[in-house]
């Protein structure tokens, strides 16, 4: 799958209401917004969800959770 196909597939998956809820839950569960992760395991999990965001076409880590998941796919704009 080329990069455009990958991004389109990930976005199609996570653009639904259920997909947004799942993505938000994954980000929170993985400690994506936690600044104090120290163990190798915690960092590996956060890096994995960071890769999922990259596959969605999202390039930059946000500063807060507020509205982030809903804005990821707004108008198909890549913020990275």
N, C-alpha and C. Protein backbone atom coordinates (compact mmCIF):
# COMPACT_ATOMS: atom_id res chain seq x y z
N UNK A 1 0.86 -1.16 0.00
CA UNK A 1 0.00 0.00 0.00
C UNK A 1 0.91 1.24 0.00
N UNK A 2 0.63 2.18 -0.89
CA UNK A 2 1.44 3.40 -0.89
C UNK A 2 0.97 4.35 0.22
N UNK A 3 1.73 5.41 0.43
CA UNK A 3 1.46 6.32 1.54
C UNK A 3 0.06 6.92 1.48
N UNK A 4 -0.39 7.37 0.30
CA UNK A 4 -1.73 7.95 0.18
C UNK A 4 -2.81 6.93 0.51
N UNK A 5 -2.63 5.70 0.05
CA UNK A 5 -3.60 4.65 0.35
C UNK A 5 -3.63 4.34 1.84
N UNK A 6 -2.46 4.32 2.45
CA UNK A 6 -2.38 4.07 3.89
C UNK A 6 -3.10 5.15 4.67
N UNK A 7 -2.80 6.41 4.36
CA UNK A 7 -3.45 7.52 5.04
C UNK A 7 -4.95 7.47 4.84
N UNK A 8 -5.39 7.26 3.62
CA UNK A 8 -6.83 7.19 3.34
C UNK A 8 -7.51 6.05 4.09
N UNK A 9 -6.84 4.91 4.17
CA UNK A 9 -7.42 3.76 4.88
C UNK A 9 -7.52 4.03 6.38
N UNK A 10 -6.46 4.57 6.96
CA UNK A 10 -6.49 4.89 8.39
C UNK A 10 -7.55 5.95 8.68
N UNK A 11 -7.61 6.97 7.85
CA UNK A 11 -8.60 8.02 8.08
C UNK A 11 -10.02 7.48 7.94
N UNK A 12 -10.27 6.61 6.96
CA UNK A 12 -11.60 6.02 6.80
C UNK A 12 -11.98 5.24 8.06
N UNK A 13 -11.01 4.56 8.64
CA UNK A 13 -11.25 3.78 9.85
C UNK A 13 -11.58 4.67 11.04
N UNK A 14 -10.82 5.73 11.23
CA UNK A 14 -10.95 6.55 12.43
C UNK A 14 -11.84 7.78 12.26
N UNK A 15 -12.40 8.01 11.08
CA UNK A 15 -13.27 9.18 10.87
C UNK A 15 -14.69 8.96 11.39
N UNK A 16 -15.07 7.73 11.61
CA UNK A 16 -16.41 7.47 12.12
C UNK A 16 -16.47 7.90 13.59
N UNK A 17 -17.68 8.07 14.11
CA UNK A 17 -17.82 8.40 15.53
C UNK A 17 -17.17 7.34 16.40
N UNK A 18 -17.43 6.08 16.08
CA UNK A 18 -16.84 4.99 16.86
C UNK A 18 -15.32 5.00 16.72
N UNK A 19 -14.83 5.23 15.53
CA UNK A 19 -13.40 5.29 15.30
C UNK A 19 -12.73 6.40 16.08
N UNK A 20 -13.37 7.55 16.16
CA UNK A 20 -12.82 8.67 16.95
C UNK A 20 -12.78 8.32 18.43
N UNK A 21 -13.84 7.66 18.91
CA UNK A 21 -13.85 7.26 20.32
C UNK A 21 -12.73 6.25 20.60
N UNK A 22 -12.58 5.29 19.69
CA UNK A 22 -11.53 4.29 19.86
C UNK A 22 -10.15 4.95 19.81
N UNK A 23 -9.93 5.83 18.86
CA UNK A 23 -8.63 6.50 18.75
C UNK A 23 -8.34 7.32 20.01
N UNK A 24 -9.32 8.06 20.48
CA UNK A 24 -9.15 8.83 21.71
C UNK A 24 -8.82 7.94 22.89
N UNK A 25 -9.52 6.81 22.98
CA UNK A 25 -9.26 5.86 24.06
C UNK A 25 -7.86 5.28 23.94
N UNK A 26 -7.44 4.94 22.74
CA UNK A 26 -6.10 4.41 22.53
C UNK A 26 -5.03 5.43 22.95
N UNK A 27 -5.23 6.69 22.57
CA UNK A 27 -4.25 7.73 22.92
C UNK A 27 -4.15 7.89 24.44
N UNK A 28 -5.30 7.92 25.11
CA UNK A 28 -5.29 8.05 26.57
C UNK A 28 -4.68 6.82 27.24
N UNK A 29 -5.10 5.64 26.80
CA UNK A 29 -4.59 4.39 27.38
C UNK A 29 -3.09 4.24 27.19
N UNK A 30 -2.58 4.73 26.08
CA UNK A 30 -1.16 4.60 25.76
C UNK A 30 -0.32 5.67 26.43
N UNK A 31 -0.94 6.59 27.14
CA UNK A 31 -0.20 7.66 27.79
C UNK A 31 0.33 8.71 26.83
N UNK A 32 -0.34 8.84 25.70
CA UNK A 32 0.12 9.76 24.66
C UNK A 32 0.28 11.19 25.17
N UNK A 33 -0.56 11.61 26.08
CA UNK A 33 -0.53 12.98 26.58
C UNK A 33 0.23 13.11 27.90
N UNK A 34 0.80 12.00 28.38
CA UNK A 34 1.55 12.02 29.64
C UNK A 34 3.00 12.43 29.37
N UNK A 35 3.46 13.39 30.12
CA UNK A 35 4.84 13.87 29.94
C UNK A 35 5.83 13.09 30.79
N UNK A 36 5.34 12.27 31.72
CA UNK A 36 6.24 11.63 32.67
C UNK A 36 6.46 10.14 32.43
N UNK A 37 6.31 9.67 31.22
CA UNK A 37 6.56 8.26 30.93
C UNK A 37 8.06 8.01 31.01
N UNK A 38 8.44 6.95 31.70
CA UNK A 38 9.87 6.69 31.88
C UNK A 38 10.30 5.29 31.48
N UNK A 39 9.42 4.31 31.63
CA UNK A 39 9.85 2.94 31.34
C UNK A 39 9.91 2.71 29.82
N UNK A 40 10.73 1.78 29.45
CA UNK A 40 10.87 1.42 28.04
C UNK A 40 9.53 0.96 27.48
N UNK A 41 8.78 0.23 28.26
CA UNK A 41 7.48 -0.28 27.81
C UNK A 41 6.50 0.86 27.57
N UNK A 42 6.42 1.81 28.51
CA UNK A 42 5.51 2.94 28.35
C UNK A 42 5.84 3.75 27.10
N UNK A 43 7.11 3.98 26.91
CA UNK A 43 7.56 4.77 25.75
C UNK A 43 7.29 4.02 24.46
N UNK A 44 7.46 2.71 24.46
CA UNK A 44 7.20 1.90 23.27
C UNK A 44 5.72 1.96 22.89
N UNK A 45 4.84 1.88 23.89
CA UNK A 45 3.39 1.95 23.61
C UNK A 45 3.03 3.33 23.06
N UNK A 46 3.56 4.39 23.68
CA UNK A 46 3.28 5.74 23.17
C UNK A 46 3.82 5.89 21.74
N UNK A 47 4.99 5.35 21.47
CA UNK A 47 5.54 5.43 20.12
C UNK A 47 4.67 4.69 19.11
N UNK A 48 4.05 3.60 19.54
CA UNK A 48 3.16 2.85 18.65
C UNK A 48 1.94 3.69 18.26
N UNK A 49 1.30 4.34 19.23
CA UNK A 49 0.14 5.16 18.87
C UNK A 49 0.57 6.41 18.10
N UNK A 50 1.77 6.90 18.35
CA UNK A 50 2.30 8.00 17.55
C UNK A 50 2.42 7.56 16.09
N UNK A 51 2.82 6.32 15.88
CA UNK A 51 2.91 5.78 14.51
C UNK A 51 1.53 5.67 13.88
N UNK A 52 0.52 5.31 14.66
CA UNK A 52 -0.85 5.27 14.14
C UNK A 52 -1.26 6.65 13.67
N UNK A 53 -0.97 7.68 14.47
CA UNK A 53 -1.29 9.06 14.06
C UNK A 53 -0.53 9.43 12.79
N UNK A 54 0.72 9.03 12.72
CA UNK A 54 1.50 9.29 11.50
C UNK A 54 0.83 8.63 10.29
N UNK A 55 0.34 7.40 10.48
CA UNK A 55 -0.34 6.70 9.39
C UNK A 55 -1.66 7.37 9.01
N UNK A 56 -2.21 8.17 9.93
CA UNK A 56 -3.42 8.95 9.65
C UNK A 56 -3.08 10.27 8.94
N UNK A 57 -1.79 10.55 8.82
CA UNK A 57 -1.36 11.79 8.20
C UNK A 57 -1.15 12.92 9.19
N UNK A 58 -1.07 12.58 10.47
CA UNK A 58 -0.88 13.58 11.53
C UNK A 58 0.59 13.57 11.90
N UNK A 59 1.23 14.75 11.81
CA UNK A 59 2.66 14.78 12.00
C UNK A 59 3.14 15.38 13.30
N UNK A 60 2.36 16.14 14.00
CA UNK A 60 2.86 16.88 15.15
C UNK A 60 2.08 16.51 16.41
N UNK A 61 2.79 16.30 17.51
CA UNK A 61 2.11 15.96 18.77
C UNK A 61 1.40 17.18 19.31
N UNK A 62 0.12 17.05 19.65
CA UNK A 62 -0.63 18.17 20.20
C UNK A 62 -0.23 18.45 21.64
N UNK A 63 -0.57 19.61 22.12
CA UNK A 63 -0.25 20.00 23.49
C UNK A 63 -1.34 19.57 24.47
N UNK A 64 -2.57 19.32 24.02
CA UNK A 64 -3.62 18.91 24.94
C UNK A 64 -4.62 18.01 24.22
N UNK A 65 -5.40 17.29 25.02
CA UNK A 65 -6.41 16.38 24.47
C UNK A 65 -7.64 17.15 23.99
N UNK A 66 -7.85 18.35 24.50
CA UNK A 66 -9.06 19.12 24.24
C UNK A 66 -9.35 19.26 22.74
N UNK A 67 -10.37 18.57 22.29
CA UNK A 67 -10.82 18.68 20.91
C UNK A 67 -9.91 18.04 19.88
N UNK A 68 -8.80 17.46 20.32
CA UNK A 68 -7.80 16.96 19.38
C UNK A 68 -8.34 15.88 18.45
N UNK A 69 -8.97 14.86 19.02
CA UNK A 69 -9.42 13.73 18.20
C UNK A 69 -10.41 14.19 17.15
N UNK A 70 -11.34 15.07 17.51
CA UNK A 70 -12.32 15.55 16.53
C UNK A 70 -11.67 16.42 15.46
N UNK A 71 -10.61 17.12 15.80
CA UNK A 71 -9.97 18.01 14.84
C UNK A 71 -8.99 17.31 13.92
N UNK A 72 -8.57 16.11 14.28
CA UNK A 72 -7.59 15.38 13.47
C UNK A 72 -8.03 15.32 12.00
N UNK A 73 -9.28 14.98 11.81
CA UNK A 73 -9.75 14.71 10.46
C UNK A 73 -10.56 15.86 9.86
N UNK A 74 -10.65 16.97 10.57
CA UNK A 74 -11.43 18.10 10.12
C UNK A 74 -10.95 18.55 8.74
N UNK A 75 -11.82 18.47 7.78
CA UNK A 75 -11.54 18.89 6.41
C UNK A 75 -10.37 18.18 5.79
N UNK A 76 -9.94 17.07 6.39
CA UNK A 76 -8.84 16.30 5.83
C UNK A 76 -7.50 17.02 5.88
N UNK A 77 -7.37 17.98 6.77
CA UNK A 77 -6.14 18.77 6.84
C UNK A 77 -5.10 18.04 7.67
N UNK A 78 -3.88 17.98 7.16
CA UNK A 78 -2.76 17.40 7.90
C UNK A 78 -2.09 18.54 8.66
N UNK A 79 -1.98 18.39 10.00
CA UNK A 79 -1.39 19.48 10.77
C UNK A 79 0.12 19.38 10.87
N UNK A 80 0.71 18.40 10.21
CA UNK A 80 2.16 18.23 10.30
C UNK A 80 2.77 18.76 9.15
